[in-house]
Amino acid sequence: MDGQELAEQYRNQGYFIVVDAVEPDLLDLLETAAWRVVDKVRSGAVVDAAEGVRTGGEGVEPQFVSGLIAPEFDEPVFAEYLGSEALVRYLRPLLGDELRLGWVHLCAIAGDYQCGWHRDVGPANRDNTYEKEMEMLGTYRKHMVKWHMALVDDPCLWIVPGSQKRYRTEREHQCMLQDPQGEIPGALRVELERGQTIFWDGNTVHRGVKPEGMGDRLSLMGGLIDHRAEYQDSEKGDQLWMLADNLRPSLPEPTRGYYDSWRTLAEPRVAG
């Protein structure tokens, strides 16, 4: 399918999967760098800080590591990947040509992992009225696209295709509130092979489950935003570290351009 057909699938089903959103040579470099990041977090060489990158704590076993483009990690390949043409060409049909920085995180899970059914709108929004939920689905992160790219084979993500456009079913509601790992009719397990990327809408009903016997999970999780859209507080997250003076000089183009676009809108909101 071409870019427009994939964009249509994304709007209708909430996702699409491609095999070539990362160059093979870059994929190898990213995997090697990701293992180094894991080692740096485990050893305490890069630690969690209130105004720094988020690792989960000092010398911990990492699960989700943010701030991969920070100079503290000394892994410039992540910033190169974030601005790569192989990746961005799949975002333009959905977001246009003017982009601003979202994120690139590392999911690195050695042990068991389960995350129950939810939408990416926070636990307080799992029991809304029809009107409130439909309003939220029409506005929340409307101008952002996120993705997962597997650095090793990754069968952990489950989604309910098409659920990003509609009110929850009774069974989905039950699972989001009471049965987080229950079965939902029509749910799809996304079995990514190494190097495959899923672009997907976090408003879908989804969960994460690491199958028994699987080795380490190692995937990149990224997002970019349509710069024509107004800055939203939902973008903020742990972004204070991105205002550090040493970040911008370490970024290649066009990632630096995405950063500059982000900073012009976000700096007054994040710093304040």
Protein backbone atom coordinates (compact mmCIF):
# COMPACT_ATOMS: atom_id res chain seq x y z
CA MET A 1 0.00 0.00 0.00
CA ASP A 2 1.14 3.56 -0.64
CA GLY A 3 1.24 6.30 1.98
CA GLN A 4 -2.32 7.48 1.43
CA GLU A 5 -3.71 3.93 1.65
CA LEU A 6 -1.80 3.36 4.88
CA ALA A 7 -3.09 6.66 6.25
CA GLU A 8 -6.63 5.56 5.46
CA GLN A 9 -6.07 2.26 7.26
CA TYR A 10 -4.73 4.21 10.23
CA ARG A 11 -7.85 6.39 10.34
CA ASN A 12 -10.20 3.41 10.00
CA GLN A 13 -8.43 0.67 11.96
CA GLY A 14 -6.15 2.71 14.21
CA TYR A 15 -2.86 1.22 13.03
CA PHE A 16 -0.66 0.05 10.18
CA ILE A 17 2.55 -2.01 10.08
CA VAL A 18 5.51 -1.59 7.74
CA VAL A 19 8.85 -3.33 7.32
CA ASP A 20 10.98 -0.44 6.04
CA ALA A 21 10.58 2.51 8.42
CA VAL A 22 14.21 2.05 9.49
CA GLU A 23 17.26 1.43 7.30
CA PRO A 24 18.90 -1.99 7.95
CA ASP A 25 22.30 -0.49 8.86
CA LEU A 26 20.64 1.98 11.22
CA LEU A 27 18.61 -0.83 12.80
CA ASP A 28 21.80 -2.65 13.78
CA LEU A 29 23.26 0.54 15.27
CA LEU A 30 20.04 1.23 17.20
CA GLU A 31 19.94 -2.24 18.72
CA THR A 32 23.57 -2.03 19.81
CA ALA A 33 23.00 1.43 21.28
CA ALA A 34 19.87 0.25 23.09
CA TRP A 35 21.78 -2.52 24.86
CA ARG A 36 24.37 0.05 25.91
CA VAL A 37 21.58 2.24 27.31
CA VAL A 38 20.34 -0.72 29.36
CA ASP A 39 23.85 -1.25 30.72
CA LYS A 40 24.24 2.47 31.55
CA VAL A 41 20.97 2.48 33.50
CA ARG A 42 21.79 -0.76 35.33
CA SER A 43 25.25 0.49 36.30
CA GLY A 44 24.02 3.92 37.38
CA ALA A 45 26.12 5.70 34.74
CA VAL A 46 22.94 7.56 33.75
CA VAL A 47 20.51 8.12 36.60
CA ASP A 48 17.03 9.41 37.14
CA ALA A 49 16.75 13.10 38.07
CA ALA A 50 13.92 15.53 38.64
CA GLU A 51 15.26 17.81 35.90
CA GLY A 52 16.89 15.09 33.80
CA VAL A 53 16.18 11.99 31.80
CA ARG A 54 13.82 9.41 33.22
CA THR A 55 15.27 5.96 33.91
CA GLY A 56 13.09 4.77 36.77
CA GLY A 57 15.73 5.24 39.48
CA GLU A 58 19.45 4.89 40.17
CA GLY A 59 21.02 1.62 39.14
CA VAL A 60 17.65 -0.06 38.53
CA GLU A 61 16.60 -2.78 36.14
CA PRO A 62 15.16 -0.62 33.33
CA GLN A 63 11.74 -1.03 31.80
CA PHE A 64 10.90 2.29 30.13
CA VAL A 65 13.73 4.76 29.58
CA SER A 66 12.96 8.23 28.24
CA GLY A 67 15.29 10.93 27.02
CA LEU A 68 17.35 8.75 24.67
CA ILE A 69 18.38 11.83 22.69
CA ALA A 70 19.90 13.45 25.80
CA PRO A 71 23.68 13.97 25.61
CA GLU A 72 24.00 12.11 28.93
CA PHE A 73 23.38 8.84 27.10
CA ASP A 74 25.99 9.69 24.44
CA GLU A 75 24.04 7.73 21.81
CA PRO A 76 23.43 10.14 18.89
CA VAL A 77 21.97 7.38 16.73
CA PHE A 78 18.57 7.83 18.43
CA ALA A 79 18.32 11.47 17.32
CA GLU A 80 19.43 10.43 13.82
CA TYR A 81 16.67 7.81 13.73
CA LEU A 82 14.01 10.27 14.92
CA GLY A 83 14.63 12.51 11.93
CA SER A 84 15.31 9.81 9.33
CA GLU A 85 13.51 9.95 6.00
CA ALA A 86 12.64 6.23 6.14
CA LEU A 87 10.56 6.95 9.25
CA VAL A 88 9.15 10.39 8.52
CA ARG A 89 7.81 9.49 5.08
CA TYR A 90 5.10 7.42 6.80
CA LEU A 91 4.07 10.35 9.00
CA ARG A 92 3.66 13.03 6.34
CA PRO A 93 0.33 11.69 4.93
CA LEU A 94 -1.08 11.89 8.48
CA LEU A 95 0.63 14.97 9.89
CA GLY A 96 1.91 17.03 6.96
CA ASP A 97 5.42 18.37 6.41
CA GLU A 98 5.69 20.63 9.47
CA LEU A 99 6.63 18.48 12.46
CA ARG A 100 7.66 19.11 16.03
CA LEU A 101 9.40 16.87 18.51
CA GLY A 102 7.48 14.32 20.48
CA TRP A 103 9.72 11.65 21.99
CA VAL A 104 11.74 8.51 21.52
CA HIS A 105 11.79 6.09 24.47
CA LEU A 106 13.21 2.63 25.01
CA CYS A 107 11.08 -0.26 26.21
CA ALA A 108 13.58 -2.73 27.72
CA ILE A 109 11.94 -5.42 29.82
CA ALA A 110 13.89 -8.46 30.99
CA GLY A 111 11.30 -9.97 33.33
CA ASP A 112 7.54 -10.45 33.28
CA TYR A 113 5.35 -7.65 31.98
CA GLN A 114 1.61 -7.07 31.89
CA CYS A 115 -0.24 -3.83 31.28
CA GLY A 116 -4.02 -4.13 31.32
CA TRP A 117 -6.58 -2.94 28.77
CA HIS A 118 -6.79 0.85 28.50
CA ARG A 119 -6.75 3.86 26.20
CA ASP A 120 -3.87 6.35 26.51
CA VAL A 121 -6.05 8.93 28.23
CA GLY A 122 -5.28 8.20 31.86
CA PRO A 123 -7.06 5.96 34.40
CA ALA A 124 -9.48 8.70 35.42
CA ASN A 125 -11.07 8.57 31.94
CA ARG A 126 -12.03 4.89 31.83
CA ASP A 127 -15.61 5.42 33.00
CA ASN A 128 -16.83 8.44 31.03
CA THR A 129 -20.28 9.06 29.62
CA TYR A 130 -20.84 8.53 25.90
CA GLU A 131 -20.66 12.26 25.21
CA LYS A 132 -17.46 12.76 27.21
CA GLU A 133 -15.70 9.74 25.73
CA MET A 134 -16.56 10.63 22.14
CA GLU A 135 -15.41 14.22 22.70
CA MET A 136 -12.15 12.92 24.14
CA LEU A 137 -11.56 10.51 21.24
CA GLY A 138 -12.09 13.34 18.78
CA THR A 139 -9.56 15.66 20.40
CA TYR A 140 -6.98 13.78 22.49
CA ARG A 141 -3.60 13.65 20.72
CA LYS A 142 -5.43 14.24 17.46
CA HIS A 143 -2.37 15.84 15.85
CA MET A 144 0.20 13.25 16.98
CA VAL A 145 1.24 9.84 15.65
CA LYS A 146 3.16 7.36 17.76
CA TRP A 147 4.88 4.12 16.87
CA HIS A 148 6.74 1.08 18.17
CA MET A 149 9.75 -0.31 16.30
CA ALA A 150 10.99 -3.75 17.32
CA LEU A 151 14.72 -4.09 17.95
CA VAL A 152 14.05 -7.78 18.65
CA ASP A 153 10.92 -9.77 17.77
CA ASP A 154 8.09 -8.30 19.85
CA PRO A 155 4.65 -9.95 20.23
CA CYS A 156 3.60 -7.94 23.31
CA LEU A 157 1.11 -5.35 22.03
CA TRP A 158 -2.60 -6.15 21.68
CA ILE A 159 -5.07 -3.71 20.13
CA VAL A 160 -8.76 -3.66 19.25
CA PRO A 161 -8.81 -2.38 15.64
CA GLY A 162 -11.24 0.46 15.01
CA SER A 163 -11.92 1.12 18.69
CA GLN A 164 -10.28 4.57 18.49
CA LYS A 165 -13.37 5.89 16.66
CA ARG A 166 -16.17 4.63 18.84
CA TYR A 167 -17.60 4.34 22.33
CA ARG A 168 -16.43 1.36 24.32
CA THR A 169 -18.38 -1.88 24.30
CA GLU A 170 -19.72 -3.36 27.52
CA ARG A 171 -16.98 -6.00 27.47
CA GLU A 172 -14.23 -3.42 26.84
CA HIS A 173 -15.55 -1.36 29.74
CA GLN A 174 -15.48 -4.40 32.01
CA CYS A 175 -11.91 -5.21 31.01
CA MET A 176 -10.64 -1.66 31.48
CA LEU A 177 -12.17 -1.45 34.97
CA GLN A 178 -12.21 -4.98 36.38
CA ASP A 179 -10.62 -7.62 34.12
CA PRO A 180 -7.39 -6.06 32.80
CA GLN A 181 -6.14 -9.20 31.05
CA GLY A 182 -9.51 -10.59 29.98
CA GLU A 183 -10.35 -11.55 26.42
CA ILE A 184 -12.00 -8.97 24.16
CA PRO A 185 -13.72 -10.08 20.94
CA GLY A 186 -11.89 -8.83 17.85
CA ALA A 187 -8.65 -8.02 19.68
CA LEU A 188 -5.46 -8.47 17.65
CA ARG A 189 -2.04 -9.46 18.92
CA VAL A 190 0.59 -7.46 17.04
CA GLU A 191 3.54 -9.76 16.37
CA LEU A 192 6.32 -7.48 15.21
CA GLU A 193 9.43 -9.00 13.70
CA ARG A 194 12.76 -7.29 14.28
CA GLY A 195 12.82 -4.05 12.27
CA GLN A 196 9.05 -3.85 11.76
CA THR A 197 7.21 -0.73 12.91
CA ILE A 198 3.60 -0.28 13.97
CA PHE A 199 2.17 3.23 13.74
CA TRP A 200 -0.89 3.26 15.97
CA ASP A 201 -3.48 5.42 17.67
CA GLY A 202 -3.27 5.34 21.47
CA ASN A 203 -7.02 5.94 21.63
CA THR A 204 -7.52 2.33 20.59
CA VAL A 205 -8.35 -0.07 23.40
CA HIS A 206 -5.05 -1.89 23.92
CA ARG A 207 -2.88 -3.78 26.39
CA GLY A 208 0.66 -5.11 26.74
CA VAL A 209 1.46 -8.72 27.63
CA LYS A 210 4.88 -10.34 27.48
CA PRO A 211 4.36 -14.01 26.54
CA GLU A 212 5.75 -16.71 28.80
CA GLY A 213 9.18 -17.83 27.69
CA MET A 214 9.97 -14.65 25.75
CA GLY A 215 13.45 -13.20 26.21
CA ASP A 216 14.14 -9.52 26.72
CA ARG A 217 11.73 -7.08 25.14
CA LEU A 218 13.61 -4.32 23.33
CA SER A 219 11.60 -1.80 21.30
CA LEU A 220 11.77 1.89 20.50
CA MET A 221 8.63 3.92 21.17
CA GLY A 222 8.41 7.25 19.38
CA GLY A 223 6.06 10.07 18.54
CA LEU A 224 6.05 13.20 16.37
CA ILE A 225 3.47 15.99 16.23
CA ASP A 226 1.94 18.22 13.57
CA HIS A 227 3.55 21.57 14.29
CA ARG A 228 0.53 23.44 12.92
CA ALA A 229 -1.49 22.20 15.90
CA GLU A 230 -1.71 24.15 19.14
CA TYR A 231 0.57 22.93 21.94
CA GLN A 232 -1.35 20.70 24.33
CA ASP A 233 -0.68 20.05 28.01
CA SER A 234 -0.89 16.32 27.19
CA GLU A 235 2.42 16.76 25.33
CA LYS A 236 4.23 17.96 28.41
CA GLY A 237 5.16 14.78 30.26
CA ASP A 238 8.70 14.72 31.65
CA GLN A 239 10.12 17.35 29.31
CA LEU A 240 11.96 19.77 31.57
CA TRP A 241 15.24 18.05 30.71
CA MET A 242 14.71 19.02 27.05
CA LEU A 243 15.38 22.66 27.93
CA ALA A 244 18.99 21.88 28.87
CA ASP A 245 21.54 24.01 27.01
CA ASN A 246 23.57 20.99 25.90
CA LEU A 247 20.74 19.25 24.03
CA ARG A 248 20.23 21.29 20.87
CA PRO A 249 23.91 21.29 19.75
CA SER A 250 23.95 17.48 19.93
CA LEU A 251 21.03 17.05 17.50
CA PRO A 252 21.39 16.49 13.75
CA GLU A 253 19.11 18.05 11.17
CA PRO A 254 16.17 17.65 10.73
CA THR A 255 15.75 16.51 14.34
CA ARG A 256 17.13 19.88 15.44
CA GLY A 257 14.40 21.55 13.40
CA TYR A 258 11.75 19.42 15.15
CA TYR A 259 13.30 20.42 18.48
CA ASP A 260 13.28 24.14 17.62
CA SER A 261 9.61 23.93 16.62
CA TRP A 262 8.79 22.20 19.89
CA ARG A 263 10.75 24.65 22.01
CA THR A 264 9.11 27.77 20.61
CA LEU A 265 5.74 26.50 21.83
CA ALA A 266 6.66 24.42 24.85
CA GLU A 267 9.29 26.48 26.68
CA PRO A 268 6.86 28.91 28.37
CA ARG A 269 4.59 26.03 29.42
CA VAL A 270 7.23 23.51 30.52
CA ALA A 271 9.53 25.95 32.30
CA GLY A 272 6.59 27.60 34.05
